[in-house]
Amino acid sequence: MQIPSTGAYAATAAPAAASPFSDLGAGPTRAPSQAEQDFDNWAKMTPAQQMRAEILRELGVTQQDLDKMDPKDRAKLEEKIKELTKEKVQESTEKKTGVAIDIKV
């Protein structure tokens, strides 16, 4: 059985090259911008890591700064981070009713 090349099908069939996206192709690759890299890094973090990063930012300290600190000073700052983290978790659970969170200290 042969299908005739005339009729409704022939009139509606478009050539493959007629796609509006056919000229896009793979295109040249470019390095991601700093904003894209920062977003990608943030998106890959767990909520706990995001909270820690936010607290460090609020304190004006980077992880690299922490790594360079004297162990005694770092221990003090880590305790401050722990306290602020606990406060943030408590604030977020107070706003939401019916949510149970296990906070281990």
Protein backbone atom coordinates (compact mmCIF):
# COMPACT_ATOMS: atom_id res chain seq x y z
CA MET A 1 0.00 0.00 0.00
CA GLN A 2 1.33 3.39 -0.97
CA ILE A 3 0.52 6.63 0.78
CA PRO A 4 -0.08 9.42 -1.67
CA SER A 5 2.10 12.51 -1.31
CA THR A 6 -0.86 14.81 -1.77
CA GLY A 7 -3.63 15.63 0.63
CA ALA A 8 -3.78 17.01 4.18
CA TYR A 9 -0.60 15.29 5.43
CA ALA A 10 1.57 16.63 2.68
CA ALA A 11 0.29 20.16 3.23
CA THR A 12 0.99 20.15 6.98
CA ALA A 13 4.30 18.33 7.06
CA ALA A 14 7.14 20.78 7.47
CA PRO A 15 10.74 20.08 6.63
CA ALA A 16 13.03 19.37 9.61
CA ALA A 17 15.04 22.54 8.97
CA ALA A 18 11.96 24.69 9.57
CA SER A 19 12.25 24.37 13.37
CA PRO A 20 12.67 27.77 15.05
CA PHE A 21 15.45 26.28 17.19
CA SER A 22 17.39 24.52 14.46
CA ASP A 23 19.86 27.37 14.04
CA LEU A 24 20.75 27.44 17.75
CA GLY A 25 22.81 24.27 17.78
CA ALA A 26 25.34 23.71 20.53
CA GLY A 27 26.84 27.12 19.97
CA PRO A 28 30.06 28.38 21.45
CA THR A 29 30.59 27.52 25.05
CA ARG A 30 31.38 30.25 27.52
CA ALA A 31 32.64 30.21 31.05
CA PRO A 32 29.88 30.74 33.62
CA SER A 33 29.81 34.17 35.24
CA GLN A 34 30.69 34.62 38.90
CA ALA A 35 26.98 35.04 39.71
CA GLU A 36 26.18 31.76 37.95
CA GLN A 37 28.97 29.99 39.84
CA ASP A 38 27.79 31.45 43.16
CA PHE A 39 24.22 30.39 42.47
CA ASP A 40 25.30 26.91 41.46
CA ASN A 41 27.38 26.56 44.63
CA TRP A 42 24.47 27.83 46.77
CA ALA A 43 22.01 25.46 45.10
CA LYS A 44 24.27 22.49 45.83
CA MET A 45 24.42 23.31 49.56
CA THR A 46 22.22 21.63 52.12
CA PRO A 47 19.91 23.90 54.14
CA ALA A 48 22.29 23.61 57.11
CA GLN A 49 25.24 24.66 54.94
CA GLN A 50 23.22 27.57 53.55
CA MET A 51 22.34 28.69 57.07
CA ARG A 52 25.99 28.54 58.14
CA ALA A 53 27.07 30.50 55.06
CA GLU A 54 24.41 33.11 55.79
CA ILE A 55 25.58 33.44 59.41
CA LEU A 56 29.21 33.76 58.33
CA ARG A 57 28.17 36.47 55.86
CA GLU A 58 26.27 38.30 58.61
CA LEU A 59 29.35 38.13 60.83
CA GLY A 60 31.55 39.38 57.99
CA VAL A 61 33.72 36.24 58.02
CA THR A 62 34.51 33.81 55.23
CA GLN A 63 35.35 30.14 55.57
CA GLN A 64 38.88 31.01 54.47
CA ASP A 65 39.10 33.50 57.37
CA LEU A 66 37.99 30.74 59.75
CA ASP A 67 40.59 28.36 58.37
CA LYS A 68 43.36 30.92 59.03
CA MET A 69 42.26 31.73 62.59
CA ASP A 70 44.04 30.82 65.77
CA PRO A 71 42.37 27.67 67.21
CA LYS A 72 41.20 29.52 70.35
CA ASP A 73 39.66 32.39 68.37
CA ARG A 74 38.10 29.95 65.95
CA ALA A 75 36.56 27.94 68.79
CA LYS A 76 34.98 31.13 70.16
CA LEU A 77 33.59 32.04 66.75
CA GLU A 78 32.34 28.50 66.14
CA GLU A 79 30.47 28.72 69.47
CA LYS A 80 28.92 32.01 68.33
CA ILE A 81 27.92 30.40 65.02
CA LYS A 82 26.38 27.49 66.93
CA GLU A 83 24.33 29.88 69.09
CA LEU A 84 23.13 31.91 66.11
CA THR A 85 22.22 28.72 64.24
CA LYS A 86 20.18 27.51 67.20
CA GLU A 87 18.39 30.89 67.39
CA LYS A 88 17.57 30.84 63.67
CA VAL A 89 16.19 27.32 63.90
CA GLN A 90 14.07 28.27 66.90
CA GLU A 91 12.79 31.38 65.08
CA SER A 92 11.84 29.39 62.02
CA THR A 93 10.04 26.72 64.05
CA GLU A 94 8.13 29.32 66.07
CA LYS A 95 6.72 30.76 62.86
CA LYS A 96 5.54 27.35 61.67
CA THR A 97 3.06 25.48 63.76
CA GLY A 98 2.90 21.72 63.62
CA VAL A 99 6.52 21.21 62.61
CA ALA A 100 8.73 18.95 64.69
CA ILE A 101 12.51 19.38 64.66
CA ASP A 102 15.08 17.41 66.57
CA ILE A 103 17.81 19.81 67.72
CA LYS A 104 20.87 17.99 69.00
CA VAL A 105 23.31 20.04 71.01
